[in-house]
N, C-alpha and C. Protein backbone atom coordinates (compact mmCIF):
# COMPACT_ATOMS: atom_id res chain seq x y z
N UNK A 1 -24.72 -8.11 -21.97
CA UNK A 1 -24.30 -7.23 -21.31
C UNK A 1 -23.22 -6.51 -21.37
N UNK A 2 -23.89 -4.89 -21.10
CA UNK A 2 -22.61 -4.19 -21.46
C UNK A 2 -21.75 -4.06 -19.98
N UNK A 3 -20.39 -3.79 -20.61
CA UNK A 3 -19.64 -3.71 -19.70
C UNK A 3 -18.47 -5.08 -19.62
N UNK A 4 -17.98 -5.20 -18.60
CA UNK A 4 -17.12 -6.38 -18.47
C UNK A 4 -17.61 -7.33 -17.54
N UNK A 5 -17.84 -8.57 -17.93
CA UNK A 5 -18.77 -8.99 -16.81
C UNK A 5 -18.03 -9.86 -15.72
N UNK A 6 -18.96 -10.37 -14.83
CA UNK A 6 -18.28 -11.16 -13.70
C UNK A 6 -18.54 -12.18 -13.84
N UNK A 7 -17.46 -13.43 -13.55
CA UNK A 7 -17.68 -14.38 -12.97
C UNK A 7 -17.48 -15.11 -12.09
N UNK A 8 -18.33 -16.11 -11.50
CA UNK A 8 -18.19 -16.45 -10.15
C UNK A 8 -18.39 -17.84 -9.76
N UNK A 9 -17.48 -18.51 -9.07
CA UNK A 9 -17.55 -19.91 -9.19
C UNK A 9 -17.84 -20.53 -8.04
N UNK A 10 -18.79 -21.42 -7.82
CA UNK A 10 -19.11 -22.48 -6.80
C UNK A 10 -18.78 -23.91 -6.58
N UNK A 11 -18.65 -24.90 -6.01
CA UNK A 11 -18.86 -26.17 -6.04
C UNK A 11 -19.93 -26.50 -4.58
N UNK A 12 -20.57 -27.91 -5.22
CA UNK A 12 -21.00 -28.32 -3.95
C UNK A 12 -20.13 -29.24 -2.85
N UNK A 13 -20.66 -29.39 -1.84
CA UNK A 13 -19.94 -29.59 -0.44
C UNK A 13 -19.11 -31.00 -0.75
N UNK A 14 -19.82 -32.06 -2.02
CA UNK A 14 -18.67 -32.88 -1.84
C UNK A 14 -18.22 -32.71 -3.15
N UNK A 15 -18.00 -32.16 -3.70
CA UNK A 15 -17.02 -31.80 -4.88
C UNK A 15 -17.95 -32.56 -5.99
N UNK A 16 -18.78 -32.81 -6.25
CA UNK A 16 -19.16 -33.59 -7.17
C UNK A 16 -19.70 -33.09 -8.55
N UNK A 17 -19.83 -31.53 -8.40
CA UNK A 17 -20.60 -30.38 -9.07
C UNK A 17 -19.85 -29.35 -8.85
N UNK A 18 -19.32 -28.88 -10.23
CA UNK A 18 -19.63 -26.97 -9.72
C UNK A 18 -19.83 -26.26 -11.07
N UNK A 19 -19.83 -25.03 -10.50
CA UNK A 19 -20.75 -23.87 -11.55
C UNK A 19 -19.96 -22.99 -11.20
N UNK A 20 -19.79 -22.16 -12.99
CA UNK A 20 -19.36 -20.84 -12.90
C UNK A 20 -20.66 -19.96 -13.73
N UNK A 21 -21.06 -18.99 -12.66
CA UNK A 21 -21.94 -18.03 -13.15
C UNK A 21 -21.56 -17.38 -13.86
N UNK A 22 -22.59 -16.05 -14.14
CA UNK A 22 -21.84 -14.74 -15.03
C UNK A 22 -23.07 -13.72 -14.43
N UNK A 23 -22.70 -12.04 -14.68
CA UNK A 23 -23.62 -11.52 -14.65
C UNK A 23 -23.18 -10.24 -14.85
N UNK A 24 -23.74 -9.13 -15.09
CA UNK A 24 -23.21 -7.99 -15.42
C UNK A 24 -24.65 -7.22 -15.97
N UNK A 25 -24.39 -5.67 -16.04
CA UNK A 25 -25.43 -5.00 -16.42
C UNK A 25 -25.90 -4.94 -17.78
N UNK A 26 -27.25 -4.53 -18.33
CA UNK A 26 -27.47 -4.36 -19.40
C UNK A 26 -27.97 -3.20 -20.15
N UNK A 27 -27.67 -2.77 -21.43
CA UNK A 27 -28.18 -1.75 -21.84
C UNK A 27 -29.50 -0.78 -21.17
N UNK A 28 -30.52 -1.82 -20.48
CA UNK A 28 -31.88 -0.84 -20.01
C UNK A 28 -31.66 -0.48 -18.53
N UNK A 29 -30.50 -0.94 -18.02
CA UNK A 29 -30.11 -0.47 -16.53
C UNK A 29 -30.41 -1.91 -15.75
N UNK A 30 -30.90 -2.78 -16.32
CA UNK A 30 -31.25 -4.34 -15.46
C UNK A 30 -30.43 -5.24 -15.49
N UNK A 31 -29.79 -6.09 -14.45
CA UNK A 31 -29.05 -6.99 -14.63
C UNK A 31 -29.32 -8.29 -15.09
N UNK A 32 -28.16 -8.76 -15.48
CA UNK A 32 -28.73 -10.36 -15.85
C UNK A 32 -27.34 -11.00 -15.80
N UNK A 33 -28.26 -12.42 -15.45
CA UNK A 33 -27.34 -13.55 -15.22
C UNK A 33 -27.47 -14.84 -15.79
N UNK A 34 -26.39 -15.27 -15.80
CA UNK A 34 -26.87 -16.70 -16.41
C UNK A 34 -25.49 -17.91 -15.84
N UNK A 35 -26.13 -19.16 -16.05
CA UNK A 35 -24.99 -20.15 -15.45
C UNK A 35 -24.38 -20.43 -17.12
N UNK A 36 -22.85 -20.12 -16.67
CA UNK A 36 -21.61 -20.22 -17.86
C UNK A 36 -21.51 -21.76 -18.21
N UNK A 37 -21.35 -22.46 -17.27
CA UNK A 37 -20.86 -24.08 -16.90
C UNK A 37 -21.53 -24.48 -15.86
N UNK A 38 -21.19 -25.65 -16.00
CA UNK A 38 -22.24 -26.55 -14.69
C UNK A 38 -21.75 -28.14 -15.38
N UNK A 39 -20.70 -28.14 -14.85
CA UNK A 39 -20.20 -30.03 -14.97
C UNK A 39 -19.51 -30.68 -13.68
N UNK A 40 -19.76 -31.86 -13.98
CA UNK A 40 -19.00 -32.56 -12.80
C UNK A 40 -17.57 -32.37 -12.18
N UNK A 41 -18.18 -32.76 -10.76
CA UNK A 41 -16.12 -32.52 -10.75
C UNK A 41 -15.51 -31.30 -10.56
N UNK A 42 -14.66 -30.76 -10.06
CA UNK A 42 -14.02 -29.53 -10.15
C UNK A 42 -12.37 -29.45 -10.76
N UNK A 43 -12.04 -30.56 -11.38
CA UNK A 43 -10.55 -30.52 -12.22
C UNK A 43 -10.97 -29.74 -13.37
N UNK A 44 -11.87 -29.12 -14.25
CA UNK A 44 -12.19 -28.24 -15.32
C UNK A 44 -12.52 -26.69 -14.68
N UNK A 45 -12.44 -26.55 -13.44
CA UNK A 45 -12.63 -25.10 -13.60
C UNK A 45 -11.61 -24.12 -13.30
N UNK A 46 -10.43 -24.16 -13.09
CA UNK A 46 -9.49 -23.42 -13.59
C UNK A 46 -9.13 -22.93 -14.78
N UNK A 47 -9.13 -24.17 -15.50
CA UNK A 47 -8.84 -23.99 -17.47
C UNK A 47 -10.41 -23.12 -17.76
N UNK A 48 -11.70 -23.16 -17.66
CA UNK A 48 -12.19 -22.85 -17.70
C UNK A 48 -12.41 -21.18 -17.54
N UNK A 49 -12.25 -21.03 -16.36
CA UNK A 49 -11.77 -19.39 -16.07
C UNK A 49 -10.58 -18.94 -16.69
N UNK A 50 -9.20 -19.39 -16.71
CA UNK A 50 -8.65 -19.44 -18.01
C UNK A 50 -8.64 -19.00 -19.26
N UNK A 51 -9.56 -19.75 -19.64
CA UNK A 51 -10.72 -18.85 -20.81
C UNK A 51 -11.65 -18.35 -20.87
N UNK A 52 -12.02 -18.01 -19.97
CA UNK A 52 -13.02 -16.65 -19.91
C UNK A 52 -12.54 -15.53 -19.91
N UNK A 53 -11.29 -16.08 -19.29
CA UNK A 53 -10.45 -14.37 -18.60
C UNK A 53 -9.85 -14.10 -19.98
N UNK A 54 -9.19 -14.93 -21.02
CA UNK A 54 -8.90 -14.23 -21.78
C UNK A 54 -9.86 -13.88 -22.96
N UNK A 55 -11.04 -14.62 -23.08
CA UNK A 55 -12.17 -14.17 -23.90
C UNK A 55 -12.73 -13.01 -23.35
N UNK A 56 -12.29 -12.34 -22.16
CA UNK A 56 -13.52 -11.28 -21.55
C UNK A 56 -12.34 -10.63 -20.90
N UNK A 57 -11.55 -9.61 -21.43
CA UNK A 57 -10.58 -8.84 -20.32
C UNK A 57 -10.81 -8.17 -19.62
N UNK A 58 -10.26 -8.22 -18.67
CA UNK A 58 -10.27 -7.55 -17.25
C UNK A 58 -11.81 -8.15 -16.35
N UNK A 59 -11.85 -9.54 -17.23
CA UNK A 59 -12.93 -9.97 -16.15
C UNK A 59 -12.59 -10.11 -14.88
N UNK A 60 -14.25 -10.14 -14.07
CA UNK A 60 -13.28 -10.50 -12.36
C UNK A 60 -13.88 -11.67 -12.05
N UNK A 61 -13.57 -12.79 -11.09
CA UNK A 61 -13.85 -13.76 -10.84
C UNK A 61 -13.77 -13.71 -9.15
N UNK A 62 -15.15 -14.40 -8.58
CA UNK A 62 -15.48 -14.19 -7.42
C UNK A 62 -15.70 -15.56 -6.82
N UNK A 63 -15.08 -15.80 -5.71
CA UNK A 63 -15.00 -17.38 -5.13
C UNK A 63 -15.10 -16.80 -3.65
N UNK A 64 -16.46 -17.63 -2.75
CA UNK A 64 -16.79 -17.35 -1.24
C UNK A 64 -15.75 -18.21 -0.88
N UNK A 65 -14.96 -17.43 0.17
CA UNK A 65 -13.82 -17.77 0.52
C UNK A 65 -13.45 -18.67 1.81
N UNK A 66 -15.18 -19.14 2.08
CA UNK A 66 -15.56 -19.91 3.27
C UNK A 66 -16.04 -21.52 2.47
N UNK A 67 -16.54 -21.15 1.25
CA UNK A 67 -17.26 -21.76 0.61
C UNK A 67 -16.53 -22.91 0.35
N UNK A 68 -17.28 -24.10 -0.65
CA UNK A 68 -16.75 -25.29 -0.72
C UNK A 68 -15.56 -24.57 -1.70
N UNK A 69 -15.83 -23.89 -2.80
CA UNK A 69 -14.76 -23.68 -3.81
C UNK A 69 -13.49 -23.14 -3.53
N UNK A 70 -13.31 -22.70 -2.14
CA UNK A 70 -11.99 -22.06 -1.68
C UNK A 70 -11.16 -22.63 -2.36
N UNK A 71 -10.89 -23.74 -1.82
CA UNK A 71 -9.77 -24.35 -2.11
C UNK A 71 -9.23 -24.63 -3.54
N UNK A 72 -9.89 -23.78 -4.85
CA UNK A 72 -9.37 -23.16 -6.18
C UNK A 72 -9.15 -22.01 -6.59
N UNK A 73 -9.14 -21.06 -4.66
CA UNK A 73 -8.93 -19.94 -5.01
C UNK A 73 -7.13 -19.88 -5.36
N UNK A 74 -6.43 -20.34 -4.52
CA UNK A 74 -4.64 -20.35 -4.56
C UNK A 74 -4.40 -21.09 -6.41
N UNK A 75 -5.25 -22.06 -7.11
CA UNK A 75 -5.29 -22.34 -8.43
C UNK A 75 -5.47 -21.52 -9.69
N UNK A 76 -6.13 -20.94 -9.24
CA UNK A 76 -6.64 -19.76 -9.86
C UNK A 76 -5.74 -18.59 -9.65
N UNK A 77 -5.57 -18.34 -8.64
CA UNK A 77 -4.46 -16.93 -8.75
C UNK A 77 -3.36 -17.34 -9.58
N UNK A 78 -2.65 -18.69 -9.25
CA UNK A 78 -1.32 -19.02 -9.73
C UNK A 78 -1.84 -18.90 -11.55
N UNK A 79 -2.83 -19.29 -11.73
CA UNK A 79 -3.18 -19.08 -13.28
C UNK A 79 -3.27 -18.00 -13.94
N UNK A 80 -3.00 -16.66 -12.87
CA UNK A 80 -3.66 -15.44 -13.27
C UNK A 80 -4.77 -14.90 -13.33
N UNK A 81 -5.58 -15.10 -12.70
CA UNK A 81 -6.83 -14.94 -12.71
C UNK A 81 -6.95 -14.15 -11.43
N UNK A 82 -7.67 -13.17 -11.66
CA UNK A 82 -8.37 -12.11 -10.89
C UNK A 82 -9.42 -12.21 -9.67
N UNK A 83 -9.46 -12.77 -8.57
CA UNK A 83 -9.91 -13.08 -7.49
C UNK A 83 -10.40 -12.33 -6.55
N UNK A 84 -11.66 -12.05 -6.59
CA UNK A 84 -12.60 -11.38 -5.60
C UNK A 84 -12.83 -12.31 -4.84
N UNK A 85 -12.15 -12.04 -3.18
CA UNK A 85 -12.77 -13.25 -2.14
C UNK A 85 -13.86 -13.13 -1.20
N UNK A 86 -14.86 -13.47 -1.43
CA UNK A 86 -16.20 -13.33 -0.40
C UNK A 86 -16.17 -13.57 0.84
N UNK A 87 -16.26 -12.71 1.88
CA UNK A 87 -16.55 -13.07 2.98
C UNK A 87 -17.94 -13.23 3.54
N UNK A 88 -17.83 -13.91 4.86
CA UNK A 88 -19.44 -14.84 5.04
C UNK A 88 -20.38 -13.13 4.73
N UNK A 89 -20.03 -11.92 5.35
CA UNK A 89 -21.06 -10.94 5.59
C UNK A 89 -21.10 -10.36 4.13
N UNK A 90 -20.28 -10.55 3.20
CA UNK A 90 -20.54 -10.29 1.81
C UNK A 90 -21.55 -11.45 1.11
N UNK A 91 -21.37 -12.61 1.54
CA UNK A 91 -22.22 -13.76 1.28
C UNK A 91 -23.85 -13.37 1.46
N UNK A 92 -23.59 -12.99 2.53
CA UNK A 92 -25.21 -12.45 3.16
C UNK A 92 -25.62 -11.34 2.54
N UNK A 93 -24.79 -10.62 2.52
CA UNK A 93 -25.47 -9.43 1.04
C UNK A 93 -25.47 -9.59 -0.13
N UNK A 94 -24.95 -10.36 -0.72
CA UNK A 94 -25.05 -11.38 -2.04
C UNK A 94 -26.57 -11.96 -2.11
N UNK A 95 -27.02 -12.75 -1.18
CA UNK A 95 -28.27 -13.31 -0.97
C UNK A 95 -29.39 -12.50 -0.93
N UNK A 96 -29.09 -12.00 -0.09
CA UNK A 96 -30.22 -10.62 -0.19
C UNK A 96 -30.46 -9.55 -1.25
N UNK A 97 -29.49 -9.57 -1.43
CA UNK A 97 -29.17 -8.45 -2.87
C UNK A 97 -29.99 -9.12 -4.02
N UNK A 98 -29.15 -10.29 -4.17
CA UNK A 98 -29.89 -11.07 -5.47
C UNK A 98 -31.68 -11.34 -4.79
N UNK A 99 -32.04 -12.10 -3.82
CA UNK A 99 -33.20 -11.80 -3.61
C UNK A 99 -34.33 -10.51 -4.05
N UNK A 100 -33.61 -9.55 -3.77
CA UNK A 100 -34.42 -8.52 -3.48
C UNK A 100 -34.35 -7.78 -5.25
N UNK A 101 -33.31 -8.07 -5.90
CA UNK A 101 -32.98 -7.61 -7.50
C UNK A 101 -33.70 -8.72 -8.13
N UNK A 102 -34.42 -10.01 -7.77
CA UNK A 102 -35.53 -10.78 -8.60
C UNK A 102 -36.68 -10.47 -8.11
N UNK A 103 -37.01 -10.23 -6.75
CA UNK A 103 -38.23 -9.77 -6.62
C UNK A 103 -38.59 -8.16 -7.15
N UNK A 104 -37.95 -7.28 -7.09
CA UNK A 104 -38.13 -6.00 -7.72
C UNK A 104 -37.53 -5.66 -9.34
N UNK A 105 -37.13 -7.14 -9.81
CA UNK A 105 -37.56 -7.44 -11.21
C UNK A 105 -36.51 -6.33 -11.57
N UNK A 106 -35.25 -6.60 -11.27
CA UNK A 106 -34.14 -5.57 -11.81
C UNK A 106 -33.01 -6.67 -11.82
N UNK A 107 -33.63 -7.73 -11.81
CA UNK A 107 -32.36 -9.26 -12.78
C UNK A 107 -33.05 -10.13 -13.37
N UNK A 108 -32.62 -10.24 -14.35
CA UNK A 108 -33.68 -11.14 -15.42
C UNK A 108 -31.98 -12.30 -15.49
N UNK A 109 -32.49 -13.44 -16.26
CA UNK A 109 -31.96 -14.78 -16.84
C UNK A 109 -32.45 -15.18 -18.10
N UNK A 110 -31.74 -15.83 -18.92
CA UNK A 110 -32.44 -16.13 -20.21
C UNK A 110 -32.90 -17.49 -20.21
N UNK A 111 -34.20 -18.00 -20.51
CA UNK A 111 -34.24 -19.04 -20.18
C UNK A 111 -34.08 -19.61 -21.59
N UNK A 112 -34.41 -21.00 -21.53
CA UNK A 112 -33.91 -21.84 -19.88
C UNK A 112 -32.66 -21.64 -19.59
N UNK A 113 -32.72 -21.95 -18.56
CA UNK A 113 -31.28 -22.29 -17.70
C UNK A 113 -31.65 -23.20 -16.44
N UNK A 114 -31.60 -24.51 -16.99
CA UNK A 114 -32.16 -25.88 -16.45
C UNK A 114 -31.39 -26.41 -15.46
N UNK A 115 -30.13 -25.64 -15.00
CA UNK A 115 -29.49 -25.82 -13.32
C UNK A 115 -29.80 -25.06 -12.76
N UNK A 116 -30.34 -23.72 -13.30
CA UNK A 116 -30.00 -22.82 -12.52
C UNK A 116 -31.71 -22.79 -11.79
N UNK A 117 -33.09 -22.88 -12.87
CA UNK A 117 -33.95 -23.60 -12.41
C UNK A 117 -34.39 -24.57 -11.29
N UNK A 118 -33.72 -25.37 -11.42
CA UNK A 118 -33.42 -26.01 -10.55
C UNK A 118 -32.96 -26.44 -9.12
N UNK A 119 -31.81 -25.69 -8.94
CA UNK A 119 -30.97 -24.98 -7.86
C UNK A 119 -32.12 -24.12 -7.36
N UNK A 120 -33.14 -23.19 -7.83
CA UNK A 120 -34.09 -22.13 -7.17
C UNK A 120 -34.81 -22.95 -6.68
N UNK A 121 -35.33 -24.22 -7.80
CA UNK A 121 -36.37 -25.09 -6.70
C UNK A 121 -36.26 -25.28 -5.58
N UNK A 122 -35.22 -26.09 -6.12
CA UNK A 122 -34.19 -26.24 -4.40
C UNK A 122 -33.92 -25.78 -3.37
N UNK A 123 -33.53 -24.75 -3.87
CA UNK A 123 -32.62 -23.93 -2.19
C UNK A 123 -33.35 -23.42 -1.25
N UNK A 124 -32.91 -23.62 -0.32
CA UNK A 124 -33.57 -23.24 0.94
C UNK A 124 -32.64 -22.19 1.93
N UNK A 125 -33.26 -20.98 2.70
CA UNK A 125 -32.51 -20.44 3.68
C UNK A 125 -32.01 -20.74 4.95
N UNK A 126 -30.99 -20.11 5.23
CA UNK A 126 -30.37 -20.45 7.00
C UNK A 126 -29.88 -19.21 7.28
N UNK A 127 -30.18 -18.97 8.52
CA UNK A 127 -29.78 -17.71 9.25
C UNK A 127 -28.01 -17.38 8.99
N UNK A 128 -27.65 -16.31 8.64
CA UNK A 128 -26.43 -15.87 8.84
C UNK A 128 -26.21 -14.01 9.67
N UNK A 129 -26.23 -14.38 11.16
CA UNK A 129 -26.40 -13.31 11.81
C UNK A 129 -27.97 -13.24 11.83
N UNK A 130 -27.88 -11.83 11.39
CA UNK A 130 -29.36 -11.31 11.69
C UNK A 130 -29.63 -11.08 9.86
N UNK A 131 -28.71 -11.86 9.19
CA UNK A 131 -29.44 -12.06 7.52
C UNK A 131 -29.49 -13.36 7.54
N UNK A 132 -29.68 -13.63 5.84
CA UNK A 132 -29.84 -15.45 5.90
C UNK A 132 -28.75 -15.46 3.96
N UNK A 133 -28.64 -16.99 4.29
CA UNK A 133 -27.61 -17.29 3.10
C UNK A 133 -28.66 -18.48 2.54
N UNK A 134 -28.07 -18.52 1.47
CA UNK A 134 -28.36 -20.19 0.76
C UNK A 134 -27.96 -21.15 1.65
N UNK A 135 -28.73 -22.25 1.77
CA UNK A 135 -28.48 -23.26 2.35
C UNK A 135 -27.93 -24.66 2.19
N UNK A 136 -27.01 -25.11 1.88
CA UNK A 136 -26.74 -26.22 1.61
C UNK A 136 -27.14 -27.53 2.09
N UNK A 137 -27.33 -27.34 3.60
CA UNK A 137 -27.83 -28.28 4.13
C UNK A 137 -29.69 -28.45 4.17
N UNK A 138 -29.95 -27.19 3.90
CA UNK A 138 -31.12 -27.73 4.37
C UNK A 138 -32.25 -27.58 2.56
N UNK A 139 -31.36 -27.31 2.15
CA UNK A 139 -32.01 -27.47 0.66
C UNK A 139 -32.20 -29.04 -0.33
N UNK A 140 -33.56 -28.96 -0.67
CA UNK A 140 -33.88 -30.35 -0.84
C UNK A 140 -32.85 -30.86 -2.58
N UNK A 141 -31.96 -30.35 -2.70
CA UNK A 141 -30.84 -30.88 -4.20
C UNK A 141 -29.42 -30.90 -3.08
N UNK A 142 -28.49 -31.46 -3.74
CA UNK A 142 -27.33 -31.72 -3.19
C UNK A 142 -26.51 -30.55 -4.04
N UNK A 143 -26.96 -29.90 -4.82
CA UNK A 143 -25.96 -29.24 -5.45
C UNK A 143 -27.12 -27.90 -6.01
N UNK A 144 -26.61 -26.96 -4.98
CA UNK A 144 -27.49 -25.65 -5.06
C UNK A 144 -26.23 -24.52 -6.08
N UNK A 145 -24.83 -25.04 -6.49
CA UNK A 145 -23.86 -24.45 -7.17
C UNK A 145 -23.79 -23.42 -8.09
N UNK A 146 -25.27 -23.80 -9.37
CA UNK A 146 -25.51 -23.42 -10.27
C UNK A 146 -26.31 -21.24 -9.58
N UNK A 147 -27.14 -21.69 -8.45
CA UNK A 147 -27.70 -20.27 -7.93
C UNK A 147 -26.44 -19.86 -7.03
N UNK A 148 -26.07 -20.39 -6.37
CA UNK A 148 -24.39 -19.70 -5.47
C UNK A 148 -24.08 -18.92 -6.22
N UNK A 149 -23.99 -19.35 -7.51
CA UNK A 149 -22.62 -18.97 -8.47
C UNK A 149 -23.32 -17.72 -9.25
N UNK A 150 -24.59 -17.59 -9.54
CA UNK A 150 -25.08 -16.39 -10.00
C UNK A 150 -25.29 -15.55 -8.80
N UNK A 151 -25.43 -15.76 -7.74
CA UNK A 151 -25.82 -14.62 -6.61
C UNK A 151 -24.63 -14.30 -6.50
N UNK A 152 -23.33 -14.67 -6.30
CA UNK A 152 -22.03 -14.34 -6.23
C UNK A 152 -21.84 -13.25 -7.53
N UNK A 153 -21.99 -13.69 -8.82
CA UNK A 153 -21.72 -12.54 -9.87
C UNK A 153 -22.30 -11.27 -9.82
N UNK A 154 -23.94 -11.90 -9.33
CA UNK A 154 -24.40 -10.48 -9.49
C UNK A 154 -24.16 -9.49 -8.29
N UNK A 155 -23.81 -9.91 -7.11
CA UNK A 155 -23.41 -9.07 -6.23
C UNK A 155 -22.15 -7.97 -6.80
N UNK A 156 -21.07 -8.97 -7.06
CA UNK A 156 -19.95 -8.24 -7.33
C UNK A 156 -20.35 -7.54 -8.58
N UNK A 157 -21.16 -7.61 -9.93
CA UNK A 157 -21.65 -6.93 -10.85
C UNK A 157 -22.11 -5.50 -10.10
N UNK A 158 -22.88 -5.89 -9.47
CA UNK A 158 -24.09 -4.95 -8.32
C UNK A 158 -23.01 -3.57 -7.96
N UNK A 159 -21.84 -4.60 -7.17
CA UNK A 159 -21.29 -3.51 -6.19
C UNK A 159 -19.57 -2.97 -7.52
N UNK A 160 -19.52 -3.25 -8.17
CA UNK A 160 -18.48 -2.80 -9.17
C UNK A 160 -18.70 -2.07 -9.78
N UNK A 161 -18.08 -1.47 -10.94
CA UNK A 161 -17.96 -0.34 -12.00
C UNK A 161 -18.21 -0.90 -13.29
N UNK A 162 -19.33 -0.59 -13.82
CA UNK A 162 -18.98 -1.19 -14.82
C UNK A 162 -18.37 -0.49 -16.09
N UNK A 163 -18.09 -0.90 -17.05
CA UNK A 163 -17.12 -0.40 -18.51
C UNK A 163 -17.57 -0.27 -19.61
N UNK A 164 -17.34 0.24 -20.44
CA UNK A 164 -18.00 0.14 -21.26
C UNK A 164 -17.68 -0.84 -22.45
N UNK A 165 -18.11 -1.74 -22.81
CA UNK A 165 -18.44 -2.78 -23.55
C UNK A 165 -19.31 -3.86 -23.64
N UNK A 166 -19.71 -4.23 -25.32
CA UNK A 166 -21.12 -5.13 -24.77
C UNK A 166 -20.75 -6.40 -24.88
N UNK A 167 -21.53 -7.20 -24.56
CA UNK A 167 -21.17 -8.58 -24.29
C UNK A 167 -22.63 -9.10 -24.34
N UNK A 168 -22.60 -10.25 -25.54
CA UNK A 168 -23.70 -10.98 -26.15
C UNK A 168 -23.66 -12.08 -25.08
N UNK A 169 -24.49 -12.36 -23.91
CA UNK A 169 -24.72 -13.51 -22.72
C UNK A 169 -24.80 -14.65 -23.97
N UNK A 170 -25.45 -14.95 -25.01
CA UNK A 170 -25.39 -16.18 -25.38
C UNK A 170 -24.04 -16.61 -26.48
N UNK A 171 -23.13 -15.40 -26.43
CA UNK A 171 -21.25 -15.83 -27.00
C UNK A 171 -20.74 -16.03 -25.59
N UNK A 172 -21.38 -16.53 -24.88
CA UNK A 172 -20.69 -17.19 -23.66
C UNK A 172 -20.33 -18.10 -23.40
C-alpha cells in the first residue's frame, strides 16, 4: 500500500467476533484491502488499534457509529486513536463503492483471506433508503465483520488523501 493505511473496526451483533480491516492505494493506482485481525470477542480491539497506530503514524480508524462496534468509539478516542465515525449514509456509499470497485477490478486483496472469503460468500444485502448495505440479519453467517471492516476501510481510503509512504500489506 502506498501511503498511510486506513483501518476499520467491526463487530458482529452478539459481539462474539470482531475484525480489523485495512485498505489503501497501491503503486499501480488500484486499491488493496485485507483483514488484519479477526478474533473472538472485543476485548482485544482497542489494544490492537493502538499497536497499529504506533506502527503506522497518521493512520485513520473507521467505525460505523450505528453498528455493533460503536461501543468501542469512546475507548478508542480515550486511547488517542483517530476515529472516523461513519453515518448510515456513508455506510451505504461504502457498500456500493466496495461492490463497484470489486466488479470494476479497481480493488484487490491478497489470497487467501479465509475470513473475508467466508464473509463474502455468506453476505446478503438489505435496502438502505435508495441504496443498500451488507445485511447482518439476512446473511447466511452470523459474522460478516471481516467484510464490513474492509468495506469501511476501502471507503475511507478511497475518499481520503493518500500520503507518500510505502507499506507492505504482508507486514501488517
